[in-house]
Protein backbone atom coordinates (compact mmCIF):
# COMPACT_ATOMS: atom_id res chain seq x y z
CA MET A 1 1.43 -17.38 -12.25
CA THR A 2 3.36 -17.78 -15.47
CA SER A 3 5.38 -20.96 -15.91
CA GLY A 4 8.78 -20.89 -14.21
CA ALA A 5 8.25 -17.65 -12.26
CA ARG A 6 9.25 -17.97 -8.63
CA GLN A 7 6.55 -16.65 -6.30
CA THR A 8 8.17 -15.38 -3.11
CA ALA A 9 5.23 -13.32 -1.81
CA LEU A 10 1.84 -14.20 -0.38
CA ASP A 11 -0.89 -15.55 -2.61
CA PRO A 12 -2.52 -12.32 -3.89
CA THR A 13 -6.02 -13.77 -3.58
CA SER A 14 -5.55 -14.02 0.20
CA THR A 15 -4.35 -10.51 1.03
CA PRO A 16 -5.75 -9.01 4.25
CA GLU A 17 -7.24 -6.09 2.29
CA THR A 18 -9.58 -8.38 0.35
CA ALA A 19 -13.11 -7.19 1.08
CA PRO A 20 -14.58 -9.09 4.04
CA GLY A 21 -17.42 -11.44 3.22
CA ALA A 22 -16.59 -11.69 -0.46
CA ALA A 23 -16.67 -15.21 -1.80
CA PRO A 24 -13.38 -16.34 -3.36
CA GLY A 25 -15.03 -16.68 -6.74
CA GLU A 26 -16.24 -13.09 -6.54
CA VAL A 27 -12.79 -11.83 -5.63
CA VAL A 28 -11.14 -13.70 -8.50
CA ALA A 29 -13.82 -12.53 -10.94
CA ARG A 30 -13.35 -8.96 -9.76
CA ARG A 31 -9.58 -9.26 -10.02
CA ASP A 32 -9.66 -10.76 -13.48
CA ALA A 33 -12.21 -8.23 -14.77
CA GLY A 34 -9.38 -5.68 -14.88
CA HIS A 35 -9.68 -2.57 -16.99
CA ASP A 36 -12.90 -3.66 -18.68
CA SER A 37 -14.80 -3.39 -15.37
CA ARG A 38 -14.46 0.40 -15.20
CA ALA A 39 -17.49 2.66 -15.38
CA LEU A 40 -15.65 5.28 -17.41
CA ASP A 41 -16.19 8.94 -16.57
CA PRO A 42 -15.74 11.05 -19.71
CA LEU A 43 -15.34 14.24 -17.63
CA LEU A 44 -11.82 13.37 -16.48
CA ASP A 45 -9.20 14.76 -18.86
CA SER A 46 -7.02 11.65 -18.93
CA GLU A 47 -5.02 12.85 -21.94
CA GLY A 48 -4.22 16.15 -20.25
CA LEU A 49 -3.31 14.44 -16.98
CA ASN A 50 -0.95 12.13 -18.86
CA ILE A 51 0.87 15.18 -20.21
CA ALA A 52 1.02 16.81 -16.77
CA LEU A 53 2.42 13.60 -15.22
CA ALA A 54 4.98 12.88 -17.94
CA GLU A 55 8.52 12.49 -16.54
CA ALA A 56 7.30 13.07 -12.97
CA VAL A 57 9.63 11.92 -10.20
CA CYS A 58 7.97 9.55 -7.75
CA LEU A 59 9.07 10.33 -4.19
CA GLY A 60 6.77 8.13 -2.11
CA SER A 61 3.23 7.00 -1.40
CA ALA A 62 0.66 6.59 1.36
CA PHE A 63 -2.06 3.92 1.14
CA ASP A 64 -5.07 3.99 3.47
CA PRO A 65 -7.23 0.91 2.84
CA HIS A 66 -9.81 1.99 5.41
CA GLY A 67 -10.22 5.45 3.90
CA ARG A 68 -9.79 3.93 0.43
CA THR A 69 -7.21 6.48 -0.66
CA LEU A 70 -3.78 6.22 -2.22
CA CYS A 71 -1.54 9.29 -2.33
CA LEU A 72 1.55 9.73 -4.43
CA GLU A 73 4.23 12.31 -3.64
CA LEU A 74 5.48 13.52 -7.00
CA GLU A 75 7.77 16.15 -8.45
CA VAL A 76 6.18 17.16 -11.73
CA LEU A 77 7.13 19.47 -14.57
CA ARG A 78 4.82 22.47 -14.31
CA LEU A 79 5.03 26.12 -15.23
CA PRO A 80 2.32 28.10 -13.46
CA GLU A 81 0.91 31.26 -14.97
CA THR A 82 1.15 34.55 -13.09
CA ARG A 83 -1.72 37.01 -12.79
CA SER A 84 -0.15 39.01 -15.61
CA GLY A 85 -0.66 36.02 -17.88
CA VAL A 86 3.04 35.31 -18.22
CA ALA A 87 4.34 31.89 -17.21
CA ALA A 88 6.59 32.26 -14.17
CA GLU A 89 9.81 30.53 -13.24
CA HIS A 90 8.78 27.78 -10.84
CA ARG A 91 11.33 25.26 -9.64
CA ASP A 92 9.24 23.58 -6.93
CA GLY A 93 7.17 21.02 -8.78
CA ARG A 94 6.26 18.90 -5.76
CA VAL A 95 2.62 17.85 -5.66
CA ARG A 96 0.53 15.33 -3.80
CA LEU A 97 -1.75 13.30 -6.08
CA THR A 98 -4.59 11.68 -4.13
CA LEU A 99 -6.71 8.90 -5.61
CA ARG A 100 -10.03 8.48 -3.77
CA GLY A 101 -12.64 5.78 -3.79
CA VAL A 102 -9.96 3.17 -4.39
CA GLY A 103 -11.53 -0.19 -5.17
CA ARG A 104 -8.40 -2.19 -5.78
CA VAL A 105 -4.60 -1.90 -5.83
CA ALA A 106 -2.39 -4.47 -7.56
CA ALA A 107 1.39 -4.37 -7.67
CA SER A 108 4.26 -6.42 -9.03
CA LEU A 109 7.80 -6.00 -7.72
CA ARG A 110 10.18 -8.23 -9.58
CA SER A 111 13.79 -8.73 -10.57
CA GLN A 112 14.97 -9.95 -13.97
CA ARG A 113 18.52 -11.29 -13.95
CA TRP A 114 20.35 -11.39 -17.25
CA ASN A 115 20.85 -15.17 -17.10
CA HIS A 116 17.29 -16.02 -16.03
CA VAL A 117 14.40 -16.52 -18.44
CA ASP A 118 11.71 -15.77 -15.87
CA ALA A 119 11.41 -12.92 -13.41
CA ASP A 120 11.75 -13.37 -9.66
CA ILE A 121 8.64 -12.00 -7.94
CA LEU A 122 9.75 -10.11 -4.84
CA PRO A 123 7.90 -9.73 -1.53
CA LEU A 124 5.69 -6.67 -1.28
CA ALA A 125 2.56 -5.75 0.68
CA PRO A 126 0.27 -2.71 0.60
CA ASP A 127 1.87 -1.29 3.75
CA THR A 128 5.38 -1.55 2.28
CA LEU A 129 4.55 0.05 -1.09
CA ASP A 130 6.00 3.39 0.02
CA GLN A 131 9.25 1.69 1.03
CA ALA A 132 9.46 -0.04 -2.35
CA ILE A 133 8.90 3.21 -4.23
CA LYS A 134 11.55 5.03 -2.21
CA SER A 135 14.03 2.19 -2.85
CA PHE A 136 14.19 3.36 -6.48
CA GLY A 137 15.73 6.62 -5.27
CA GLY A 138 13.31 9.08 -6.81
CA GLY A 139 12.89 7.47 -10.20
CA ARG A 140 10.77 9.06 -12.90
CA LEU A 141 7.44 7.51 -13.80
CA HIS A 142 8.12 5.20 -16.71
CA GLY A 143 6.09 5.74 -19.87
CA TRP A 144 3.75 8.43 -21.14
CA GLU A 145 0.29 7.17 -20.21
CA PHE A 146 -0.94 6.75 -16.65
CA VAL A 147 -4.64 7.58 -16.37
CA ASP A 148 -7.29 5.32 -17.92
CA VAL A 149 -4.74 3.32 -19.85
CA ASP A 150 -5.72 0.23 -21.80
CA ASP A 151 -4.82 -3.34 -20.84
CA SER A 152 -1.64 -3.65 -22.90
CA GLY A 153 0.71 -3.03 -19.99
CA TRP A 154 -1.43 -4.75 -17.36
CA SER A 155 -1.64 -7.92 -19.43
CA LEU A 156 2.16 -8.31 -19.23
CA TRP A 157 2.36 -8.50 -15.44
CA ARG A 158 -1.10 -9.31 -14.11
CA GLU A 159 0.02 -12.90 -13.47
CA LEU A 160 3.18 -11.74 -11.67
CA LEU A 161 1.57 -9.99 -8.72
CA SER A 162 3.28 -9.39 -5.40
CA PHE A 163 -0.06 -8.34 -3.92
CA ASP A 164 -3.62 -7.70 -5.06
CA ALA A 165 -5.70 -5.75 -2.52
CA VAL A 166 -9.40 -5.79 -3.46
CA LEU A 167 -11.36 -3.24 -1.44
CA ASP A 168 -14.67 -3.22 -3.32
CA THR A 169 -16.11 -6.32 -4.99
CA GLU A 170 -19.53 -4.81 -5.68
CA ARG A 171 -19.05 -1.76 -7.89
CA PRO A 172 -16.66 -1.10 -10.78
CA SER A 173 -14.34 1.85 -10.33
CA ALA A 174 -14.56 4.80 -12.68
CA HIS A 175 -10.87 5.04 -13.51
CA VAL A 176 -7.50 3.32 -13.38
CA PHE A 177 -4.07 4.78 -12.68
CA GLU A 178 -0.99 2.79 -13.64
CA PHE A 179 2.67 3.60 -13.12
CA SER A 180 6.02 1.84 -12.98
CA GLN A 181 9.53 2.32 -11.68
CA GLU A 182 12.62 0.76 -13.23
CA GLU A 183 16.36 0.50 -12.62
CA GLY A 184 19.36 -0.60 -14.65
CA VAL A 185 21.76 -3.56 -14.43
CA ASP A 186 20.12 -6.77 -13.14
CA PRO A 187 17.05 -4.56 -12.99
CA ARG A 188 14.18 -4.48 -10.61
CA GLU A 189 10.83 -3.23 -11.83
CA LEU A 190 7.76 -2.09 -9.93
CA ASP A 191 4.38 -1.92 -11.63
CA VAL A 192 1.33 -0.58 -9.80
CA ARG A 193 -2.26 -0.37 -10.96
CA VAL A 194 -4.96 1.43 -8.96
CA TRP A 195 -8.70 1.36 -9.60
CA PHE A 196 -10.27 4.58 -8.26
CA ASP A 197 -13.17 7.04 -8.60
CA GLU A 198 -11.80 10.55 -8.05
CA LEU A 199 -8.49 12.37 -7.87
CA SER A 200 -7.20 15.63 -6.43
CA VAL A 201 -3.89 17.47 -6.58
CA HIS A 202 -2.25 19.70 -3.95
CA ASP A 203 0.94 21.70 -4.44
CA ALA A 204 3.90 21.91 -2.05
CA THR A 205 2.15 24.57 0.06
CA GLY A 206 -0.93 22.38 0.53
CA ALA A 207 -3.09 24.45 -1.81
CA GLU A 208 -5.44 22.39 -3.96
CA LEU A 209 -5.03 22.63 -7.72
CA SER A 210 -8.02 21.87 -9.88
CA PRO A 211 -7.32 19.12 -12.42
CA ALA A 212 -7.74 21.71 -15.18
CA HIS A 213 -5.20 24.03 -13.50
CA PHE A 214 -2.75 21.18 -12.99
CA VAL A 215 -3.08 20.09 -16.62
CA ALA A 216 -2.65 23.65 -17.90
CA ASP A 217 0.57 24.09 -15.90
CA GLY A 218 1.94 20.84 -17.29
CA LYS A 219 1.04 21.68 -20.87
CA ARG A 220 2.62 25.11 -20.45
CA TRP A 221 5.88 23.52 -19.26
CA TRP A 222 6.05 21.12 -22.20
CA ALA A 223 5.21 23.89 -24.67
CA ALA A 224 8.07 25.94 -23.20
CA HIS A 225 10.35 22.89 -23.39
CA ASP A 226 9.53 22.34 -27.04
CA ALA A 227 10.20 26.02 -27.74
CA GLY A 228 13.66 25.85 -26.13
CA ASP A 229 12.62 28.10 -23.22
CA PRO A 230 15.40 28.02 -20.55
CA ARG A 231 12.75 27.86 -17.80
CA ALA A 232 11.90 24.39 -19.04
CA VAL A 233 15.36 22.87 -18.74
CA ARG A 234 15.76 20.07 -16.21
CA PRO A 235 18.52 17.51 -15.57
CA GLY A 236 17.62 14.19 -17.11
CA ILE A 237 15.07 15.65 -19.52
CA ALA A 238 16.18 15.47 -23.14
CA PRO A 239 16.22 18.81 -24.99
CA PRO A 240 13.75 19.35 -27.84
CA LEU A 241 14.63 17.83 -31.19
């Protein structure tokens, strides 16, 4: 914990989701290993996924520690292609992003008052993560990089954790997913980092989208946006320069 920060949640090293039988030293070592512990899988198109997830609205989440999955309900910017090869108008961008083989989830919910030097760390647990996300009222994912990001963001809040649920102390996860939510005056901020092995995407009808398909739809939307295409106009999204 950084000096002066007021911890108002449980000690993250003692969360119920910590793997049973793991020695405290192993848990701390696993926790502190962070991003460098990943067994990176070069087959995942992290750059393309970052484009497809840019400016996505986060609507909620579902965390299953027993099944080791974390799902995010998102509204993304995508422009599917019709069979004729022409990108179609598509207003329903809701998708369900499922991270599987989750080895760890860490989160920091905090408030920074204008007259306080240090942030107040707010109570949060794995089973209330969905409630915390929804409390931001459908905020867009902050930033432009989410999949297999480096440690630059994590290093700023890794000592300000509301919870740290370690599900696997034995094997490094293949990937990380990191996202944040923010709000304005006397702002709260939520940062979440998930270590996982695989991901899948389903659209609003429940149909699975391959990662390549999902990425292509996202790239098509942003290409249309940059070209001034009216199909790629959304409230809150700045027009092309």
